[in-house]
Amino acid sequence: MTDASLEAAPAGGKATPRRRLAPIVPGQSVAGTALIAVIAIMTFLSCLTVGAVTLVRDTASAWQTQIAREATIQIRPRDGLDMEAALAAAKAVAETFDGVTEVRIVDRDATARLLEPWLGTGLDLDELPVPRLVIVTIDESAPPDFAALRAAVATDVPGASLDDHRNWVDRLVSMARTTVTLGIAVLILMLSATVLTVVFATRGAMAGNGHVIEVLHYVGAEARFIASQFRRHFLYTGIKGAAAGGLAAIVVFIVFGWWSARNFATPEADQATALFGNFAIGSTGYAGVGVVVAVVAVLTAATSHVTVVTHLQGVDVGTTDHI
């Protein structure tokens, strides 16, 4: 496939046409534009998956750190119990243990605020059987004897119990790890779908230029040369699509982080913050987006290269069998 252009004419002569080789793979086509869009969508979804996995992993790590730092004394209300005196007594008991760095009573306003997402505003805690809390901050390097602390609290403060949160946090961390595993599986499936899409696109490009490819191959062009033309073309295609998808994902992360930061002034938002932090994926998440973009571009180029080489090897085998 060639196109013509004019060379500069010698003095007194006429311009002569000069023929220039056109690329084996068409530079722009409807199919090429569609492939860029598909790669961009796949990359965007892959980057969102990476961001979600990063957020969940960081949150699980934060949970583990927090559980090593705090425990909670719960005092259940009952008839005839002076709740304020019981809270003070529990605080005094906890302060006597080595390894306890701070003890703080959750006051009535803070307790009501914690319950607002479920029970609404204007709560009267005296009319509800709501447990009151004492937060015990512990020394991570030298924690107290939880068994002894639990026994002392139960003995000295009626209706009180110590919760070190390890049971439910272990479950949450296990759930987070499962979520991370599922996210990685989804990411692998998306990358696999991208590879298959590139295989079909490469075969389509080869079918549209099959006569040119076979002629070049028969006259001595090496498979690596022909494959390099496809690899270069699809590398640029992959870079365009992956960059577009990655940039869209980064914009989503930034906008969502900004929105969540501006709307975390409600009890519901406080609960979400306690579970998931501030919804910022951090530098690790953005680095993951960059890795996904690079992987998609490289996979696109490598897939097209392998597809072309495999096809040409099949042509060679078919020719040998025919002879």
C-alpha atoms as a PDB file:
ATOM      1  CA  MET A   1       0.000   0.000   0.000  1.00  0.00           C
ATOM      2  CA  THR A   2       1.541   3.282  -1.057  1.00  0.00           C
ATOM      3  CA  ASP A   3       0.703   6.916  -1.520  1.00  0.00           C
ATOM      4  CA  ALA A   4       2.342   9.428  -3.840  1.00  0.00           C
ATOM      5  CA  SER A   5       4.008  12.817  -3.323  1.00  0.00           C
ATOM      6  CA  LEU A   6       6.067  15.092  -5.553  1.00  0.00           C
ATOM      7  CA  GLU A   7       9.827  15.375  -5.408  1.00  0.00           C
ATOM      8  CA  ALA A   8      11.531  18.677  -6.067  1.00  0.00           C
ATOM      9  CA  ALA A   9      12.097  18.909  -9.863  1.00  0.00           C
ATOM     10  CA  PRO A  10      15.622  19.304 -11.203  1.00  0.00           C
ATOM     11  CA  ALA A  11      16.430  22.568 -12.958  1.00  0.00           C
ATOM     12  CA  GLY A  12      14.515  22.813 -16.206  1.00  0.00           C
ATOM     13  CA  GLY A  13      12.737  19.530 -15.590  1.00  0.00           C
ATOM     14  CA  LYS A  14       9.369  18.338 -14.336  1.00  0.00           C
ATOM     15  CA  ALA A  15       8.521  17.178 -10.893  1.00  0.00           C
ATOM     16  CA  THR A  16       8.521  13.404 -10.591  1.00  0.00           C
ATOM     17  CA  PRO A  17       6.276  11.501  -8.256  1.00  0.00           C
ATOM     18  CA  ARG A  18       7.867   9.847  -5.247  1.00  0.00           C
ATOM     19  CA  ARG A  19       6.201   6.861  -3.664  1.00  0.00           C
ATOM     20  CA  ARG A  20       6.169   6.454   0.092  1.00  0.00           C
ATOM     21  CA  LEU A  21       5.241   3.321   2.020  1.00  0.00           C
ATOM     22  CA  ALA A  22       2.077   3.629   4.067  1.00  0.00           C
ATOM     23  CA  PRO A  23       1.959   1.968   7.485  1.00  0.00           C
ATOM     24  CA  ILE A  24       0.917  -1.674   7.585  1.00  0.00           C
ATOM     25  CA  VAL A  25      -1.571  -0.931  10.332  1.00  0.00           C
ATOM     26  CA  PRO A  26      -3.973   1.950   9.581  1.00  0.00           C
ATOM     27  CA  GLY A  27      -3.326   4.827  11.926  1.00  0.00           C
ATOM     28  CA  GLN A  28      -6.919   5.910  12.591  1.00  0.00           C
ATOM     29  CA  SER A  29     -10.119   4.037  11.992  1.00  0.00           C
ATOM     30  CA  VAL A  30     -13.492   3.563  13.568  1.00  0.00           C
ATOM     31  CA  ALA A  31     -12.294   0.251  15.006  1.00  0.00           C
ATOM     32  CA  GLY A  32      -9.178   1.920  16.415  1.00  0.00           C
ATOM     33  CA  THR A  33     -11.225   4.647  18.094  1.00  0.00           C
ATOM     34  CA  ALA A  34     -13.570   2.047  19.553  1.00  0.00           C
ATOM     35  CA  LEU A  35     -10.597   0.070  20.896  1.00  0.00           C
ATOM     36  CA  ILE A  36      -9.225   3.172  22.608  1.00  0.00           C
ATOM     37  CA  ALA A  37     -12.637   3.717  24.220  1.00  0.00           C
ATOM     38  CA  VAL A  38     -12.823   0.085  25.396  1.00  0.00           C
ATOM     39  CA  ILE A  39      -9.294   0.230  26.836  1.00  0.00           C
ATOM     40  CA  ALA A  40     -10.130   3.520  28.560  1.00  0.00           C
ATOM     41  CA  ILE A  41     -13.256   2.012  30.140  1.00  0.00           C
ATOM     42  CA  MET A  42     -11.412  -1.127  31.260  1.00  0.00           C
ATOM     43  CA  THR A  43      -8.573   0.950  32.700  1.00  0.00           C
ATOM     44  CA  PHE A  44     -11.013   3.255  34.474  1.00  0.00           C
ATOM     45  CA  LEU A  45     -12.790   0.318  36.121  1.00  0.00           C
ATOM     46  CA  SER A  46      -9.462  -1.324  36.973  1.00  0.00           C
ATOM     47  CA  CYS A  47      -8.223   1.882  38.612  1.00  0.00           C
ATOM     48  CA  LEU A  48     -11.444   2.205  40.602  1.00  0.00           C
ATOM     49  CA  THR A  49     -10.913  -1.363  41.781  1.00  0.00           C
ATOM     50  CA  VAL A  50      -7.337  -0.563  42.800  1.00  0.00           C
ATOM     51  CA  GLY A  51      -8.557   2.515  44.687  1.00  0.00           C
ATOM     52  CA  ALA A  52     -11.234   0.516  46.509  1.00  0.00           C
ATOM     53  CA  VAL A  53      -8.769  -2.236  47.395  1.00  0.00           C
ATOM     54  CA  THR A  54      -6.284   0.337  48.685  1.00  0.00           C
ATOM     55  CA  LEU A  55      -8.959   2.051  50.775  1.00  0.00           C
ATOM     56  CA  VAL A  56     -10.155  -1.204  52.318  1.00  0.00           C
ATOM     57  CA  ARG A  57      -6.608  -2.393  53.003  1.00  0.00           C
ATOM     58  CA  ASP A  58      -5.610   0.882  54.652  1.00  0.00           C
ATOM     59  CA  THR A  59      -8.798   0.877  56.702  1.00  0.00           C
ATOM     60  CA  ALA A  60      -8.144  -2.665  57.909  1.00  0.00           C
ATOM     61  CA  SER A  61      -4.638  -1.623  58.900  1.00  0.00           C
ATOM     62  CA  ALA A  62      -6.047   1.369  60.793  1.00  0.00           C
ATOM     63  CA  TRP A  63      -8.502  -0.904  62.587  1.00  0.00           C
ATOM     64  CA  GLN A  64      -5.700  -3.169  63.718  1.00  0.00           C
ATOM     65  CA  THR A  65      -3.705  -0.184  64.957  1.00  0.00           C
ATOM     66  CA  GLN A  66      -6.651   1.266  66.845  1.00  0.00           C
ATOM     67  CA  ILE A  67      -7.563  -2.012  68.502  1.00  0.00           C
ATOM     68  CA  ALA A  68      -4.069  -2.221  69.923  1.00  0.00           C
ATOM     69  CA  ARG A  69      -4.586   1.232  71.442  1.00  0.00           C
ATOM     70  CA  GLU A  70      -8.051   1.233  73.018  1.00  0.00           C
ATOM     71  CA  ALA A  71     -10.522  -0.861  74.993  1.00  0.00           C
ATOM     72  CA  THR A  72     -14.030  -0.011  76.184  1.00  0.00           C
ATOM     73  CA  ILE A  73     -15.808  -0.454  79.496  1.00  0.00           C
ATOM     74  CA  GLN A  74     -19.560  -0.766  78.975  1.00  0.00           C
ATOM     75  CA  ILE A  75     -22.001  -0.107  81.830  1.00  0.00           C
ATOM     76  CA  ARG A  76     -25.536  -1.321  81.262  1.00  0.00           C
ATOM     77  CA  PRO A  77     -28.310   0.660  83.015  1.00  0.00           C
ATOM     78  CA  ARG A  78     -30.528  -1.049  85.553  1.00  0.00           C
ATOM     79  CA  ASP A  79     -32.974  -0.045  88.234  1.00  0.00           C
ATOM     80  CA  GLY A  80     -31.399   1.818  91.116  1.00  0.00           C
ATOM     81  CA  LEU A  81     -28.033   2.292  89.404  1.00  0.00           C
ATOM     82  CA  ASP A  82     -26.396   5.683  89.703  1.00  0.00           C
ATOM     83  CA  MET A  83     -24.895   5.781  86.220  1.00  0.00           C
ATOM     84  CA  GLU A  84     -22.598   8.737  86.799  1.00  0.00           C
ATOM     85  CA  ALA A  85     -21.174   7.174  89.966  1.00  0.00           C
ATOM     86  CA  ALA A  86     -20.703   3.852  88.156  1.00  0.00           C
ATOM     87  CA  LEU A  87     -18.846   5.580  85.345  1.00  0.00           C
ATOM     88  CA  ALA A  88     -16.548   7.311  87.815  1.00  0.00           C
ATOM     89  CA  ALA A  89     -15.922   4.020  89.635  1.00  0.00           C
ATOM     90  CA  ALA A  90     -15.058   2.221  86.393  1.00  0.00           C
ATOM     91  CA  LYS A  91     -12.712   5.036  85.487  1.00  0.00           C
ATOM     92  CA  ALA A  92     -10.984   4.784  88.868  1.00  0.00           C
ATOM     93  CA  VAL A  93     -10.563   0.998  88.557  1.00  0.00           C
ATOM     94  CA  ALA A  94      -9.030   1.229  85.081  1.00  0.00           C
ATOM     95  CA  GLU A  95      -6.590   3.947  86.154  1.00  0.00           C
ATOM     96  CA  THR A  96      -5.041   1.633  88.758  1.00  0.00           C
ATOM     97  CA  PHE A  97      -3.707  -0.814  86.148  1.00  0.00           C
ATOM     98  CA  ASP A  98      -0.243  -0.608  84.647  1.00  0.00           C
ATOM     99  CA  GLY A  99      -0.314  -0.208  80.881  1.00  0.00           C
ATOM    100  CA  VAL A 100      -3.307   2.151  80.942  1.00  0.00           C
ATOM    101  CA  THR A 101      -2.276   5.605  79.732  1.00  0.00           C
ATOM    102  CA  GLU A 102      -5.641   7.394  79.756  1.00  0.00           C
ATOM    103  CA  VAL A 103      -9.244   6.777  80.778  1.00  0.00           C
ATOM    104  CA  ARG A 104     -12.059   8.911  79.386  1.00  0.00           C
ATOM    105  CA  ILE A 105     -15.802   8.845  80.085  1.00  0.00           C
ATOM    106  CA  VAL A 106     -18.017   9.306  77.015  1.00  0.00           C
ATOM    107  CA  ASP A 107     -20.412  12.004  78.160  1.00  0.00           C
ATOM    108  CA  ARG A 108     -24.143  12.164  77.503  1.00  0.00           C
ATOM    109  CA  ASP A 109     -23.897  14.490  74.506  1.00  0.00           C
ATOM    110  CA  ALA A 110     -21.292  12.306  72.800  1.00  0.00           C
ATOM    111  CA  THR A 111     -23.383   9.185  73.475  1.00  0.00           C
ATOM    112  CA  ALA A 112     -26.477  10.808  71.994  1.00  0.00           C
ATOM    113  CA  ARG A 113     -24.490  11.866  68.950  1.00  0.00           C
ATOM    114  CA  LEU A 114     -23.334   8.301  68.386  1.00  0.00           C
ATOM    115  CA  LEU A 115     -26.957   7.123  68.386  1.00  0.00           C
ATOM    116  CA  GLU A 116     -28.355   9.863  66.135  1.00  0.00           C
ATOM    117  CA  PRO A 117     -27.891   7.931  62.836  1.00  0.00           C
ATOM    118  CA  TRP A 118     -30.279   5.243  64.137  1.00  0.00           C
ATOM    119  CA  LEU A 119     -32.535   6.936  66.700  1.00  0.00           C
ATOM    120  CA  GLY A 120     -32.586  10.534  65.533  1.00  0.00           C
ATOM    121  CA  THR A 121     -32.061  13.713  67.529  1.00  0.00           C
ATOM    122  CA  GLY A 122     -33.498  14.861  70.845  1.00  0.00           C
ATOM    123  CA  LEU A 123     -32.809  11.623  72.688  1.00  0.00           C
ATOM    124  CA  ASP A 124     -33.441  11.326  76.415  1.00  0.00           C
ATOM    125  CA  LEU A 125     -30.901   8.756  77.562  1.00  0.00           C
ATOM    126  CA  ASP A 126     -32.654   8.338  80.902  1.00  0.00           C
ATOM    127  CA  GLU A 127     -35.658   6.826  79.106  1.00  0.00           C
ATOM    128  CA  LEU A 128     -33.613   4.372  77.011  1.00  0.00           C
ATOM    129  CA  PRO A 129     -31.643   1.320  78.168  1.00  0.00           C
ATOM    130  CA  VAL A 130     -28.513   2.601  76.489  1.00  0.00           C
ATOM    131  CA  PRO A 131     -25.130   1.444  77.844  1.00  0.00           C
ATOM    132  CA  ARG A 132     -22.646   4.159  78.739  1.00  0.00           C
ATOM    133  CA  LEU A 133     -19.009   3.897  77.763  1.00  0.00           C
ATOM    134  CA  VAL A 134     -15.603   4.491  79.281  1.00  0.00           C
ATOM    135  CA  ILE A 135     -12.730   4.605  76.786  1.00  0.00           C
ATOM    136  CA  VAL A 136      -9.479   3.083  78.044  1.00  0.00           C
ATOM    137  CA  THR A 137      -6.341   4.035  76.144  1.00  0.00           C
ATOM    138  CA  ILE A 138      -3.576   1.508  76.600  1.00  0.00           C
ATOM    139  CA  ASP A 139       0.159   1.380  76.076  1.00  0.00           C
ATOM    140  CA  GLU A 140       0.721  -0.632  72.885  1.00  0.00           C
ATOM    141  CA  SER A 141       4.227  -1.648  73.910  1.00  0.00           C
ATOM    142  CA  ALA A 142       3.167  -2.819  77.402  1.00  0.00           C
ATOM    143  CA  PRO A 143      -0.596  -3.517  77.470  1.00  0.00           C
ATOM    144  CA  PRO A 144      -2.359  -4.249  80.759  1.00  0.00           C
ATOM    145  CA  ASP A 145      -3.574  -7.653  81.900  1.00  0.00           C
ATOM    146  CA  PHE A 146      -7.000  -7.643  80.219  1.00  0.00           C
ATOM    147  CA  ALA A 147      -8.230 -10.674  82.155  1.00  0.00           C
ATOM    148  CA  ALA A 148      -7.449  -9.033  85.487  1.00  0.00           C
ATOM    149  CA  LEU A 149      -8.898  -5.702  84.342  1.00  0.00           C
ATOM    150  CA  ARG A 150     -12.063  -7.420  83.152  1.00  0.00           C
ATOM    151  CA  ALA A 151     -12.483  -9.231  86.492  1.00  0.00           C
ATOM    152  CA  ALA A 152     -11.846  -6.070  88.512  1.00  0.00           C
ATOM    153  CA  VAL A 153     -14.365  -4.044  86.535  1.00  0.00           C
ATOM    154  CA  ALA A 154     -17.029  -6.743  86.807  1.00  0.00           C
ATOM    155  CA  THR A 155     -16.472  -7.042  90.564  1.00  0.00           C
ATOM    156  CA  ASP A 156     -16.289  -3.373  91.544  1.00  0.00           C
ATOM    157  CA  VAL A 157     -18.847  -1.892  89.125  1.00  0.00           C
ATOM    158  CA  PRO A 158     -22.261  -3.593  88.873  1.00  0.00           C
ATOM    159  CA  GLY A 159     -23.409  -4.093  85.276  1.00  0.00           C
ATOM    160  CA  ALA A 160     -20.013  -3.257  83.833  1.00  0.00           C
ATOM    161  CA  SER A 161     -17.972  -5.300  81.362  1.00  0.00           C
ATOM    162  CA  LEU A 162     -14.705  -4.812  79.505  1.00  0.00           C
ATOM    163  CA  ASP A 163     -14.704  -5.134  75.726  1.00  0.00           C
ATOM    164  CA  ASP A 164     -11.299  -5.226  74.035  1.00  0.00           C
ATOM    165  CA  HIS A 165     -13.008  -5.262  70.579  1.00  0.00           C
ATOM    166  CA  ARG A 166     -10.806  -8.037  69.290  1.00  0.00           C
ATOM    167  CA  ASN A 167     -13.625 -10.382  68.269  1.00  0.00           C
ATOM    168  CA  TRP A 168     -15.552  -8.008  66.049  1.00  0.00           C
ATOM    169  CA  VAL A 169     -12.457  -6.264  64.718  1.00  0.00           C
ATOM    170  CA  ASP A 170     -11.005  -9.644  63.719  1.00  0.00           C
ATOM    171  CA  ARG A 171     -14.197 -10.269  61.779  1.00  0.00           C
ATOM    172  CA  LEU A 172     -14.027  -6.869  60.108  1.00  0.00           C
ATOM    173  CA  VAL A 173     -10.382  -7.358  59.192  1.00  0.00           C
ATOM    174  CA  SER A 174     -11.203 -10.803  57.814  1.00  0.00           C
ATOM    175  CA  MET A 175     -13.995  -9.269  55.747  1.00  0.00           C
ATOM    176  CA  ALA A 176     -11.611  -6.574  54.537  1.00  0.00           C
ATOM    177  CA  ARG A 177      -9.087  -9.163  53.450  1.00  0.00           C
ATOM    178  CA  THR A 178     -11.799 -11.053  51.597  1.00  0.00           C
ATOM    179  CA  THR A 179     -12.803  -7.825  49.879  1.00  0.00           C
ATOM    180  CA  VAL A 180      -9.206  -7.199  48.849  1.00  0.00           C
ATOM    181  CA  THR A 181      -8.970 -10.714  47.428  1.00  0.00           C
ATOM    182  CA  LEU A 182     -12.183 -10.223  45.458  1.00  0.00           C
ATOM    183  CA  GLY A 183     -10.925  -6.866  44.199  1.00  0.00           C
ATOM    184  CA  ILE A 184      -7.713  -8.446  42.947  1.00  0.00           C
ATOM    185  CA  ALA A 185      -9.747 -11.162  41.217  1.00  0.00           C
ATOM    186  CA  VAL A 186     -11.925  -8.511  39.538  1.00  0.00           C
ATOM    187  CA  LEU A 187      -8.802  -6.640  38.447  1.00  0.00           C
ATOM    188  CA  ILE A 188      -7.371  -9.801  36.884  1.00  0.00           C
ATOM    189  CA  LEU A 189     -10.651 -10.427  35.048  1.00  0.00           C
ATOM    190  CA  MET A 190     -10.667  -6.876  33.668  1.00  0.00           C
ATOM    191  CA  LEU A 191      -7.083  -7.169  32.459  1.00  0.00           C
ATOM    192  CA  SER A 192      -7.942 -10.518  30.874  1.00  0.00           C
ATOM    193  CA  ALA A 193     -10.907  -8.929  29.095  1.00  0.00           C
ATOM    194  CA  THR A 194      -8.586  -6.192  27.828  1.00  0.00           C
ATOM    195  CA  VAL A 195      -6.168  -8.798  26.490  1.00  0.00           C
ATOM    196  CA  LEU A 196      -8.954 -10.642  24.668  1.00  0.00           C
ATOM    197  CA  THR A 197     -10.238  -7.377  23.218  1.00  0.00           C
ATOM    198  CA  VAL A 198      -6.781  -6.559  21.862  1.00  0.00           C
ATOM    199  CA  VAL A 199      -6.487 -10.067  20.378  1.00  0.00           C
ATOM    200  CA  PHE A 200      -9.700  -9.589  18.417  1.00  0.00           C
ATOM    201  CA  ALA A 201      -8.692  -6.059  17.394  1.00  0.00           C
ATOM    202  CA  THR A 202      -5.311  -7.304  16.182  1.00  0.00           C
ATOM    203  CA  ARG A 203      -6.888 -10.088  14.193  1.00  0.00           C
ATOM    204  CA  GLY A 204      -9.291  -7.590  12.683  1.00  0.00           C
ATOM    205  CA  ALA A 205      -6.428  -5.308  11.665  1.00  0.00           C
ATOM    206  CA  MET A 206      -4.579  -8.272  10.187  1.00  0.00           C
ATOM    207  CA  ALA A 207      -7.671  -9.395   8.297  1.00  0.00           C
ATOM    208  CA  GLY A 208      -8.031  -5.927   6.792  1.00  0.00           C
ATOM    209  CA  ASN A 209      -4.401  -5.930   5.682  1.00  0.00           C
ATOM    210  CA  GLY A 210      -3.902  -9.658   5.292  1.00  0.00           C
ATOM    211  CA  HIS A 211      -2.780  -9.559   1.654  1.00  0.00           C
ATOM    212  CA  VAL A 212      -0.161  -6.916   2.430  1.00  0.00           C
ATOM    213  CA  ILE A 213       1.137  -8.843   5.454  1.00  0.00           C
ATOM    214  CA  GLU A 214       1.373 -12.110   3.556  1.00  0.00           C
ATOM    215  CA  VAL A 215       3.144 -10.491   0.594  1.00  0.00           C
ATOM    216  CA  LEU A 216       5.662  -8.865   2.917  1.00  0.00           C
ATOM    217  CA  HIS A 217       6.159 -12.154   4.707  1.00  0.00           C
ATOM    218  CA  TYR A 218       6.629 -14.138   1.492  1.00  0.00           C
ATOM    219  CA  VAL A 219       9.174 -11.685   0.047  1.00  0.00           C
ATOM    220  CA  GLY A 220      11.353 -12.048   3.135  1.00  0.00           C
ATOM    221  CA  ALA A 221      10.075  -9.652   5.783  1.00  0.00           C
ATOM    222  CA  GLU A 222      10.724 -11.192   9.167  1.00  0.00           C
ATOM    223  CA  ALA A 223       7.853 -11.923  11.491  1.00  0.00           C
ATOM    224  CA  ARG A 224       9.489  -9.735  14.131  1.00  0.00           C
ATOM    225  CA  PHE A 225       9.476  -6.737  11.773  1.00  0.00           C
ATOM    226  CA  ILE A 226       5.797  -7.145  10.916  1.00  0.00           C
ATOM    227  CA  ALA A 227       4.933  -7.786  14.565  1.00  0.00           C
ATOM    228  CA  SER A 228       6.871  -4.690  15.608  1.00  0.00           C
ATOM    229  CA  GLN A 229       4.618  -2.554  13.387  1.00  0.00           C
ATOM    230  CA  PHE A 230       1.541  -3.908  15.111  1.00  0.00           C
ATOM    231  CA  ARG A 231       3.191  -3.673  18.519  1.00  0.00           C
ATOM    232  CA  ARG A 232       4.049  -0.005  18.003  1.00  0.00           C
ATOM    233  CA  HIS A 233       0.566   0.816  16.772  1.00  0.00           C
ATOM    234  CA  PHE A 234      -1.200  -0.971  19.631  1.00  0.00           C
ATOM    235  CA  LEU A 235       1.253   0.402  22.189  1.00  0.00           C
ATOM    236  CA  TYR A 236       0.227   3.928  21.218  1.00  0.00           C
ATOM    237  CA  THR A 237      -3.412   2.838  21.259  1.00  0.00           C
ATOM    238  CA  GLY A 238      -2.995   1.286  24.693  1.00  0.00           C
ATOM    239  CA  ILE A 239      -1.214   4.344  26.048  1.00  0.00           C
ATOM    240  CA  LYS A 240      -3.988   6.642  24.813  1.00  0.00           C
ATOM    241  CA  GLY A 241      -6.796   4.505  26.201  1.00  0.00           C
ATOM    242  CA  ALA A 242      -5.065   3.655  29.479  1.00  0.00           C
ATOM    243  CA  ALA A 243      -4.029   7.273  30.093  1.00  0.00           C
ATOM    244  CA  ALA A 244      -7.588   8.469  29.491  1.00  0.00           C
ATOM    245  CA  GLY A 245      -9.035   5.856  31.832  1.00  0.00           C
ATOM    246  CA  GLY A 246      -6.412   6.459  34.517  1.00  0.00           C
ATOM    247  CA  LEU A 247      -6.898  10.227  34.371  1.00  0.00           C
ATOM    248  CA  ALA A 248     -10.676   9.819  34.684  1.00  0.00           C
ATOM    249  CA  ALA A 249     -10.185   7.584  37.739  1.00  0.00           C
ATOM    250  CA  ILE A 250      -7.849  10.116  39.375  1.00  0.00           C
ATOM    251  CA  VAL A 251     -10.407  12.864  38.797  1.00  0.00           C
ATOM    252  CA  VAL A 252     -13.081  10.678  40.430  1.00  0.00           C
ATOM    253  CA  PHE A 253     -10.822  10.027  43.437  1.00  0.00           C
ATOM    254  CA  ILE A 254     -10.035  13.719  43.872  1.00  0.00           C
ATOM    255  CA  VAL A 255     -13.662  14.840  43.490  1.00  0.00           C
ATOM    256  CA  PHE A 256     -14.963  12.142  45.838  1.00  0.00           C
ATOM    257  CA  GLY A 257     -12.304  12.930  48.439  1.00  0.00           C
ATOM    258  CA  TRP A 258     -13.141  16.647  48.243  1.00  0.00           C
ATOM    259  CA  TRP A 259     -16.872  15.955  48.452  1.00  0.00           C
ATOM    260  CA  SER A 260     -16.540  13.594  51.411  1.00  0.00           C
ATOM    261  CA  ALA A 261     -14.326  16.080  53.274  1.00  0.00           C
ATOM    262  CA  ARG A 262     -16.934  18.833  52.852  1.00  0.00           C
ATOM    263  CA  ASN A 263     -19.865  16.639  53.901  1.00  0.00           C
ATOM    264  CA  PHE A 264     -18.437  14.942  56.994  1.00  0.00           C
ATOM    265  CA  ALA A 265     -20.365  17.080  59.455  1.00  0.00           C
ATOM    266  CA  THR A 266     -23.197  14.679  60.262  1.00  0.00           C
ATOM    267  CA  PRO A 267     -23.530  11.698  62.618  1.00  0.00           C
ATOM    268  CA  GLU A 268     -23.794   9.379  59.613  1.00  0.00           C
ATOM    269  CA  ALA A 269     -20.542  10.788  58.283  1.00  0.00           C
ATOM    270  CA  ASP A 270     -18.913  10.268  61.679  1.00  0.00           C
ATOM    271  CA  GLN A 271     -19.808   6.583  61.501  1.00  0.00           C
ATOM    272  CA  ALA A 272     -18.482   6.337  57.945  1.00  0.00           C
ATOM    273  CA  THR A 273     -15.271   8.054  59.009  1.00  0.00           C
ATOM    274  CA  ALA A 274     -14.846   5.605  61.844  1.00  0.00           C
ATOM    275  CA  LEU A 275     -15.156   2.705  59.423  1.00  0.00           C
ATOM    276  CA  PHE A 276     -13.427   3.994  56.289  1.00  0.00           C
ATOM    277  CA  GLY A 277     -11.396   7.043  57.265  1.00  0.00           C
ATOM    278  CA  ASN A 278     -11.716  10.112  55.042  1.00  0.00           C
ATOM    279  CA  PHE A 279     -12.123   8.135  51.787  1.00  0.00           C
ATOM    280  CA  ALA A 280      -8.707   9.290  50.542  1.00  0.00           C
ATOM    281  CA  ILE A 281      -6.770   6.566  48.739  1.00  0.00           C
ATOM    282  CA  GLY A 282      -3.395   8.171  49.442  1.00  0.00           C
ATOM    283  CA  SER A 283      -0.150   7.993  47.501  1.00  0.00           C
ATOM    284  CA  THR A 284      -0.275   4.192  47.323  1.00  0.00           C
ATOM    285  CA  GLY A 285      -3.593   4.321  45.480  1.00  0.00           C
ATOM    286  CA  TYR A 286      -2.350   6.887  42.972  1.00  0.00           C
ATOM    287  CA  ALA A 287       0.796   4.843  42.433  1.00  0.00           C
ATOM    288  CA  GLY A 288      -1.462   1.843  41.808  1.00  0.00           C
ATOM    289  CA  VAL A 289      -3.297   3.828  39.129  1.00  0.00           C
ATOM    290  CA  GLY A 290       0.025   4.531  37.424  1.00  0.00           C
ATOM    291  CA  VAL A 291       0.938   0.854  37.560  1.00  0.00           C
ATOM    292  CA  VAL A 292      -2.416  -0.147  36.053  1.00  0.00           C
ATOM    293  CA  VAL A 293      -1.979   2.350  33.205  1.00  0.00           C
ATOM    294  CA  ALA A 294       1.513   1.021  32.457  1.00  0.00           C
ATOM    295  CA  VAL A 295       0.392  -2.614  32.691  1.00  0.00           C
ATOM    296  CA  VAL A 296      -2.547  -2.057  30.333  1.00  0.00           C
ATOM    297  CA  ALA A 297      -0.329  -0.321  27.761  1.00  0.00           C
ATOM    298  CA  VAL A 298       2.334  -3.046  27.926  1.00  0.00           C
ATOM    299  CA  LEU A 299      -0.266  -5.824  27.808  1.00  0.00           C
ATOM    300  CA  THR A 300      -1.849  -4.228  24.742  1.00  0.00           C
ATOM    301  CA  ALA A 301       1.471  -4.089  22.879  1.00  0.00           C
ATOM    302  CA  ALA A 302       2.608  -7.555  23.989  1.00  0.00           C
ATOM    303  CA  THR A 303      -0.734  -9.146  23.121  1.00  0.00           C
ATOM    304  CA  SER A 304      -0.708  -7.728  19.585  1.00  0.00           C
ATOM    305  CA  HIS A 305       2.904  -8.858  19.111  1.00  0.00           C
ATOM    306  CA  VAL A 306       2.186 -12.431  20.202  1.00  0.00           C
ATOM    307  CA  THR A 307      -0.992 -12.558  18.097  1.00  0.00           C
ATOM    308  CA  VAL A 308       0.836 -11.485  14.915  1.00  0.00           C
ATOM    309  CA  VAL A 309       3.786 -13.807  15.467  1.00  0.00           C
ATOM    310  CA  THR A 310       1.445 -16.732  16.128  1.00  0.00           C
ATOM    311  CA  HIS A 311      -0.528 -15.950  12.966  1.00  0.00           C
ATOM    312  CA  LEU A 312       2.597 -15.764  10.802  1.00  0.00           C
ATOM    313  CA  GLN A 313       3.890 -19.012  12.231  1.00  0.00           C
ATOM    314  CA  GLY A 314       0.583 -20.569  11.245  1.00  0.00           C
ATOM    315  CA  VAL A 315       1.035 -19.176   7.732  1.00  0.00           C
ATOM    316  CA  ASP A 316       4.498 -20.758   7.540  1.00  0.00           C
ATOM    317  CA  VAL A 317       3.157 -24.111   8.720  1.00  0.00           C
ATOM    318  CA  GLY A 318       0.299 -24.003   6.233  1.00  0.00           C
ATOM    319  CA  THR A 319       2.675 -23.164   3.400  1.00  0.00           C
ATOM    320  CA  THR A 320       5.015 -26.023   4.314  1.00  0.00           C
ATOM    321  CA  ASP A 321       2.148 -28.507   4.476  1.00  0.00           C
ATOM    322  CA  HIS A 322       0.884 -27.345   1.087  1.00  0.00           C
ATOM    323  CA  ILE A 323       4.270 -27.856  -0.479  1.00  0.00           C
END
